[in-house]
Amino acid sequence: MAEVGLASHKMKMTLTEANEWVLKLLPHYEAVFTKEGGNPGLPFDQVYDLQHVQPLDFWQKMYEEVKTDLMSEGLKL
């Protein structure tokens, strides 16, 4: 989320442009808001190798997939 926020700032997005992004991305994530209990995420120790403080393979893969999708939509990450 921080990376997206920084990218939108660097792109000098207006509030209207940012809202257009939100509306474009909402269909991908809105199911989280209707799930029982929402999406609490995962604890740090379940997504990172604590010895090396590196993301686990499945977590890194998910990050890269989302980043690629956002970049293909035009976000300059």
Protein backbone atom coordinates (compact mmCIF):
# COMPACT_ATOMS: atom_id res chain seq x y z
CA MET A 1 0.00 0.00 0.00
CA ALA A 2 2.85 2.37 0.77
CA GLU A 3 4.38 1.75 -2.66
CA VAL A 4 1.05 2.53 -4.36
CA GLY A 5 0.63 5.68 -2.27
CA LEU A 6 4.13 6.87 -3.15
CA ALA A 7 3.61 6.10 -6.84
CA SER A 8 0.34 8.03 -6.94
CA HIS A 9 2.07 10.98 -5.26
CA LYS A 10 4.96 10.89 -7.74
CA MET A 11 2.44 10.73 -10.59
CA LYS A 12 0.85 13.87 -9.09
CA MET A 13 -2.60 12.25 -9.15
CA THR A 14 -5.51 14.47 -8.41
CA LEU A 15 -8.21 13.27 -6.03
CA THR A 16 -10.41 12.61 -9.05
CA GLU A 17 -7.73 10.48 -10.72
CA ALA A 18 -7.06 8.58 -7.49
CA ASN A 19 -10.79 7.93 -7.12
CA GLU A 20 -10.88 6.56 -10.67
CA TRP A 21 -8.12 4.11 -9.67
CA VAL A 22 -10.02 3.08 -6.57
CA LEU A 23 -13.16 2.45 -8.62
CA LYS A 24 -11.13 0.46 -11.18
CA LEU A 25 -9.49 -1.71 -8.51
CA LEU A 26 -12.50 -2.17 -6.24
CA PRO A 27 -13.98 -5.12 -8.18
CA HIS A 28 -10.74 -7.06 -7.57
CA TYR A 29 -10.86 -6.61 -3.80
CA GLU A 30 -14.42 -5.84 -2.71
CA ALA A 31 -15.15 -9.48 -1.87
CA VAL A 32 -12.90 -8.97 1.16
CA PHE A 33 -15.41 -6.50 2.58
CA THR A 34 -18.30 -8.97 2.40
CA LYS A 35 -16.42 -12.00 3.77
CA GLU A 36 -17.32 -13.18 7.25
CA GLY A 37 -14.64 -11.62 9.42
CA GLY A 38 -13.25 -9.61 6.52
CA ASN A 39 -9.63 -10.23 5.60
CA PRO A 40 -7.46 -10.02 8.70
CA GLY A 41 -4.34 -10.85 6.69
CA LEU A 42 -1.60 -13.05 8.06
CA PRO A 43 0.83 -12.53 10.93
CA PHE A 44 4.34 -11.41 10.02
CA ASP A 45 5.86 -14.73 11.07
CA GLN A 46 3.62 -16.60 8.62
CA VAL A 47 4.71 -14.59 5.59
CA TYR A 48 8.37 -13.83 6.38
CA ASP A 49 11.43 -15.94 7.09
CA LEU A 50 12.21 -14.53 10.53
CA GLN A 51 15.86 -15.54 10.45
CA HIS A 52 16.57 -13.50 7.30
CA VAL A 53 13.61 -11.09 7.43
CA GLN A 54 12.76 -11.97 3.83
CA PRO A 55 9.27 -12.69 2.47
CA LEU A 56 8.42 -16.34 1.98
CA ASP A 57 8.14 -17.49 -1.64
CA PHE A 58 4.31 -17.52 -1.77
CA TRP A 59 4.15 -14.02 -0.27
CA GLN A 60 6.77 -12.61 -2.63
CA LYS A 61 4.97 -14.20 -5.60
CA MET A 62 1.66 -12.62 -4.61
CA TYR A 63 3.36 -9.23 -4.22
CA GLU A 64 4.99 -9.49 -7.65
CA GLU A 65 1.70 -10.54 -9.31
CA VAL A 66 -0.21 -7.60 -7.82
CA LYS A 67 2.59 -5.18 -8.71
CA THR A 68 2.68 -6.46 -12.30
CA ASP A 69 -1.12 -6.09 -12.56
CA LEU A 70 -1.00 -2.51 -11.26
CA MET A 71 1.82 -1.59 -13.62
CA SER A 72 -0.09 -3.07 -16.57
CA GLU A 73 -2.99 -0.78 -15.61
CA GLY A 74 -0.65 2.20 -15.83
CA LEU A 75 0.52 2.79 -12.26
CA LYS A 76 4.18 3.81 -12.36
CA LEU A 77 5.72 1.65 -9.64
